[in-house]
Amino acid sequence: MAVQRTFSIIKPDATNRNLTGAINAKFEAAGLRIVAQKRIHLTKAQAGEFYAVHKERPFYDELCEFMSSAPIVAQVLEGEDAIAKNREVMGATNPAEAADGTIRKEFALSIGENSVHGSDAAETAAVEIAYFFSGLELVG
């Protein structure tokens, strides 16, 4: 397996409950290293631009409203097969279907307020990382 970088967001439902450290501990315990991180408060327009791929879906407006409701933690994770590892640690989108010990099983409030976002492919990760971080901010 190759070392990869992936993108992660700790969402407003988790930052509101001070879960950033607990969530990051799960990433680090799984062998992922945080190589960039920032806490920001997205505007609804910024959230809309980031989630533009979902613009035609019925949940788009609600998603943008939620993601701009409180600060998020945007970060880049690095490690062996980081994209798959991150998705494994996050768990299924629906916390009721997530495996025990995953972030969403332990911390998510609902399908919508599921505490974390993670890239689903290398191409997506590259676009998502570039949306939030300059090359100078990626340290490893």
C-alpha atoms as a PDB file:
ATOM      1  CA  MET A   1       0.000   0.000   0.000  1.00  0.00           C
ATOM      2  CA  ALA A   2       1.115   3.533  -0.721  1.00  0.00           C
ATOM      3  CA  VAL A   3       1.110   6.517   1.598  1.00  0.00           C
ATOM      4  CA  GLN A   4      -1.810   8.759   0.675  1.00  0.00           C
ATOM      5  CA  ARG A   5      -3.376  11.979   1.823  1.00  0.00           C
ATOM      6  CA  THR A   6      -7.093  12.389   2.322  1.00  0.00           C
ATOM      7  CA  PHE A   7      -9.388  15.166   3.418  1.00  0.00           C
ATOM      8  CA  SER A   8     -11.474  15.155   6.586  1.00  0.00           C
ATOM      9  CA  ILE A   9     -13.982  17.497   8.190  1.00  0.00           C
ATOM     10  CA  ILE A  10     -15.091  17.362  11.792  1.00  0.00           C
ATOM     11  CA  LYS A  11     -18.615  18.726  11.393  1.00  0.00           C
ATOM     12  CA  PRO A  12     -20.557  21.287  13.476  1.00  0.00           C
ATOM     13  CA  ASP A  13     -22.436  18.683  15.525  1.00  0.00           C
ATOM     14  CA  ALA A  14     -19.093  17.352  16.771  1.00  0.00           C
ATOM     15  CA  THR A  15     -17.305  20.690  17.256  1.00  0.00           C
ATOM     16  CA  ASN A  16     -20.308  21.965  19.231  1.00  0.00           C
ATOM     17  CA  ARG A  17     -19.827  19.047  21.633  1.00  0.00           C
ATOM     18  CA  ASN A  18     -16.024  19.460  21.956  1.00  0.00           C
ATOM     19  CA  LEU A  19     -15.315  16.127  20.262  1.00  0.00           C
ATOM     20  CA  THR A  20     -12.398  17.275  18.089  1.00  0.00           C
ATOM     21  CA  GLY A  21      -9.752  15.672  20.304  1.00  0.00           C
ATOM     22  CA  ALA A  22     -11.663  12.403  20.722  1.00  0.00           C
ATOM     23  CA  ILE A  23     -12.226  12.119  16.975  1.00  0.00           C
ATOM     24  CA  ASN A  24      -8.616  12.955  16.148  1.00  0.00           C
ATOM     25  CA  ALA A  25      -7.475  10.337  18.664  1.00  0.00           C
ATOM     26  CA  LYS A  26      -9.386   7.715  16.646  1.00  0.00           C
ATOM     27  CA  PHE A  27      -7.696   8.821  13.412  1.00  0.00           C
ATOM     28  CA  GLU A  28      -4.270   8.733  15.046  1.00  0.00           C
ATOM     29  CA  ALA A  29      -4.902   5.347  16.695  1.00  0.00           C
ATOM     30  CA  ALA A  30      -5.680   3.993  13.219  1.00  0.00           C
ATOM     31  CA  GLY A  31      -2.276   5.142  11.961  1.00  0.00           C
ATOM     32  CA  LEU A  32      -3.384   8.358  10.268  1.00  0.00           C
ATOM     33  CA  ARG A  33      -1.318  11.474  10.839  1.00  0.00           C
ATOM     34  CA  ILE A  34      -2.762  15.000  10.768  1.00  0.00           C
ATOM     35  CA  VAL A  35      -0.571  17.000   8.372  1.00  0.00           C
ATOM     36  CA  ALA A  36      -2.809  20.098   8.125  1.00  0.00           C
ATOM     37  CA  GLN A  37      -5.647  21.357  10.272  1.00  0.00           C
ATOM     38  CA  LYS A  38      -7.723  24.508  10.741  1.00  0.00           C
ATOM     39  CA  ARG A  39     -10.875  25.457  12.592  1.00  0.00           C
ATOM     40  CA  ILE A  40     -13.081  27.693  10.464  1.00  0.00           C
ATOM     41  CA  HIS A  41     -16.670  28.859  10.270  1.00  0.00           C
ATOM     42  CA  LEU A  42     -17.964  28.433   6.718  1.00  0.00           C
ATOM     43  CA  THR A  43     -20.504  30.821   5.257  1.00  0.00           C
ATOM     44  CA  LYS A  44     -23.514  29.212   3.601  1.00  0.00           C
ATOM     45  CA  ALA A  45     -22.054  30.218   0.218  1.00  0.00           C
ATOM     46  CA  GLN A  46     -18.718  28.526   1.011  1.00  0.00           C
ATOM     47  CA  ALA A  47     -20.498  25.370   2.148  1.00  0.00           C
ATOM     48  CA  GLY A  48     -22.566  25.488  -1.034  1.00  0.00           C
ATOM     49  CA  GLU A  49     -19.464  25.749  -3.190  1.00  0.00           C
ATOM     50  CA  PHE A  50     -17.759  22.879  -1.372  1.00  0.00           C
ATOM     51  CA  TYR A  51     -20.834  20.630  -1.669  1.00  0.00           C
ATOM     52  CA  ALA A  52     -21.748  21.767  -5.223  1.00  0.00           C
ATOM     53  CA  VAL A  53     -21.671  18.137  -6.381  1.00  0.00           C
ATOM     54  CA  HIS A  54     -24.884  17.646  -4.364  1.00  0.00           C
ATOM     55  CA  LYS A  55     -26.627  20.794  -5.655  1.00  0.00           C
ATOM     56  CA  GLU A  56     -29.466  18.894  -7.352  1.00  0.00           C
ATOM     57  CA  ARG A  57     -30.140  16.616  -4.381  1.00  0.00           C
ATOM     58  CA  PRO A  58     -33.046  17.332  -2.043  1.00  0.00           C
ATOM     59  CA  PHE A  59     -30.799  17.577   1.039  1.00  0.00           C
ATOM     60  CA  TYR A  60     -28.425  20.207  -0.443  1.00  0.00           C
ATOM     61  CA  ASP A  61     -29.905  23.317   1.215  1.00  0.00           C
ATOM     62  CA  GLU A  62     -30.201  21.589   4.582  1.00  0.00           C
ATOM     63  CA  LEU A  63     -26.599  20.349   4.278  1.00  0.00           C
ATOM     64  CA  CYS A  64     -25.286  23.843   3.492  1.00  0.00           C
ATOM     65  CA  GLU A  65     -27.286  25.337   6.361  1.00  0.00           C
ATOM     66  CA  PHE A  66     -25.922  22.719   8.762  1.00  0.00           C
ATOM     67  CA  MET A  67     -22.304  23.024   7.618  1.00  0.00           C
ATOM     68  CA  SER A  68     -22.432  26.793   8.110  1.00  0.00           C
ATOM     69  CA  SER A  69     -24.201  26.622  11.481  1.00  0.00           C
ATOM     70  CA  ALA A  70     -21.034  26.403  13.614  1.00  0.00           C
ATOM     71  CA  PRO A  71     -17.265  25.976  13.185  1.00  0.00           C
ATOM     72  CA  ILE A  72     -15.802  22.927  11.473  1.00  0.00           C
ATOM     73  CA  VAL A  73     -12.317  21.452  11.636  1.00  0.00           C
ATOM     74  CA  ALA A  74     -10.888  20.902   8.160  1.00  0.00           C
ATOM     75  CA  GLN A  75      -7.872  18.641   8.034  1.00  0.00           C
ATOM     76  CA  VAL A  76      -5.602  16.534   5.885  1.00  0.00           C
ATOM     77  CA  LEU A  77      -4.797  13.037   7.054  1.00  0.00           C
ATOM     78  CA  GLU A  78      -1.832  11.032   5.803  1.00  0.00           C
ATOM     79  CA  GLY A  79      -0.996   7.349   6.046  1.00  0.00           C
ATOM     80  CA  GLU A  80      -0.917   3.988   4.338  1.00  0.00           C
ATOM     81  CA  ASP A  81      -4.075   3.683   2.207  1.00  0.00           C
ATOM     82  CA  ALA A  82      -5.383   6.797   4.000  1.00  0.00           C
ATOM     83  CA  ILE A  83      -8.613   7.166   2.020  1.00  0.00           C
ATOM     84  CA  ALA A  84      -9.880   3.672   2.803  1.00  0.00           C
ATOM     85  CA  LYS A  85      -8.545   3.800   6.367  1.00  0.00           C
ATOM     86  CA  ASN A  86     -10.308   7.110   7.034  1.00  0.00           C
ATOM     87  CA  ARG A  87     -13.603   5.782   5.672  1.00  0.00           C
ATOM     88  CA  GLU A  88     -13.249   2.661   7.829  1.00  0.00           C
ATOM     89  CA  VAL A  89     -12.606   4.739  10.973  1.00  0.00           C
ATOM     90  CA  MET A  90     -15.544   7.047  10.174  1.00  0.00           C
ATOM     91  CA  GLY A  91     -18.037   4.206   9.722  1.00  0.00           C
ATOM     92  CA  ALA A  92     -21.234   4.097   7.683  1.00  0.00           C
ATOM     93  CA  THR A  93     -23.022   7.390   6.975  1.00  0.00           C
ATOM     94  CA  ASN A  94     -26.027   6.133   8.912  1.00  0.00           C
ATOM     95  CA  PRO A  95     -24.807   5.751  12.505  1.00  0.00           C
ATOM     96  CA  ALA A  96     -27.358   2.963  13.073  1.00  0.00           C
ATOM     97  CA  GLU A  97     -25.495   0.927  10.426  1.00  0.00           C
ATOM     98  CA  ALA A  98     -21.972   1.927  11.502  1.00  0.00           C
ATOM     99  CA  ALA A  99     -19.689  -0.674  13.059  1.00  0.00           C
ATOM    100  CA  ASP A 100     -18.943  -0.539  16.777  1.00  0.00           C
ATOM    101  CA  GLY A 101     -15.935   1.608  17.606  1.00  0.00           C
ATOM    102  CA  THR A 102     -16.302   3.878  14.564  1.00  0.00           C
ATOM    103  CA  ILE A 103     -16.619   7.640  14.868  1.00  0.00           C
ATOM    104  CA  ARG A 104     -20.169   7.730  13.568  1.00  0.00           C
ATOM    105  CA  LYS A 105     -21.329   4.875  15.799  1.00  0.00           C
ATOM    106  CA  GLU A 106     -19.930   6.603  18.875  1.00  0.00           C
ATOM    107  CA  PHE A 107     -20.538  10.279  18.123  1.00  0.00           C
ATOM    108  CA  ALA A 108     -23.063  10.877  15.309  1.00  0.00           C
ATOM    109  CA  LEU A 109     -26.476  12.245  16.218  1.00  0.00           C
ATOM    110  CA  SER A 110     -28.219  11.269  12.956  1.00  0.00           C
ATOM    111  CA  ILE A 111     -27.578  10.564   9.282  1.00  0.00           C
ATOM    112  CA  GLY A 112     -27.298  14.304   8.655  1.00  0.00           C
ATOM    113  CA  GLU A 113     -25.422  15.181  11.836  1.00  0.00           C
ATOM    114  CA  ASN A 114     -22.907  12.394  11.451  1.00  0.00           C
ATOM    115  CA  SER A 115     -19.881  14.201  12.937  1.00  0.00           C
ATOM    116  CA  VAL A 116     -17.375  13.713  10.088  1.00  0.00           C
ATOM    117  CA  HIS A 117     -16.821  13.949   6.346  1.00  0.00           C
ATOM    118  CA  GLY A 118     -14.106  12.141   4.430  1.00  0.00           C
ATOM    119  CA  SER A 119     -13.006  11.995   0.809  1.00  0.00           C
ATOM    120  CA  ASP A 120     -14.182   8.975  -1.143  1.00  0.00           C
ATOM    121  CA  ALA A 121     -11.412   8.798  -3.764  1.00  0.00           C
ATOM    122  CA  ALA A 122      -7.954  10.172  -4.538  1.00  0.00           C
ATOM    123  CA  GLU A 123      -9.352  12.629  -7.089  1.00  0.00           C
ATOM    124  CA  THR A 124     -11.953  13.911  -4.633  1.00  0.00           C
ATOM    125  CA  ALA A 125      -9.330  14.222  -1.902  1.00  0.00           C
ATOM    126  CA  ALA A 126      -7.098  16.363  -4.132  1.00  0.00           C
ATOM    127  CA  VAL A 127      -9.964  18.761  -4.943  1.00  0.00           C
ATOM    128  CA  GLU A 128     -11.186  18.933  -1.349  1.00  0.00           C
ATOM    129  CA  ILE A 129      -7.694  19.496   0.077  1.00  0.00           C
ATOM    130  CA  ALA A 130      -7.047  22.287  -2.438  1.00  0.00           C
ATOM    131  CA  TYR A 131     -10.346  23.971  -1.504  1.00  0.00           C
ATOM    132  CA  PHE A 132      -9.211  24.458   2.107  1.00  0.00           C
ATOM    133  CA  PHE A 133      -5.393  24.392   2.095  1.00  0.00           C
ATOM    134  CA  SER A 134      -2.477  25.873   0.186  1.00  0.00           C
ATOM    135  CA  GLY A 135       0.591  23.756  -0.419  1.00  0.00           C
ATOM    136  CA  LEU A 136       2.447  25.743   2.254  1.00  0.00           C
ATOM    137  CA  GLU A 137      -0.041  24.583   4.882  1.00  0.00           C
ATOM    138  CA  LEU A 138       0.563  20.875   4.260  1.00  0.00           C
ATOM    139  CA  VAL A 139       3.330  19.771   6.576  1.00  0.00           C
ATOM    140  CA  GLY A 140       4.391  16.245   7.056  1.00  0.00           C
END
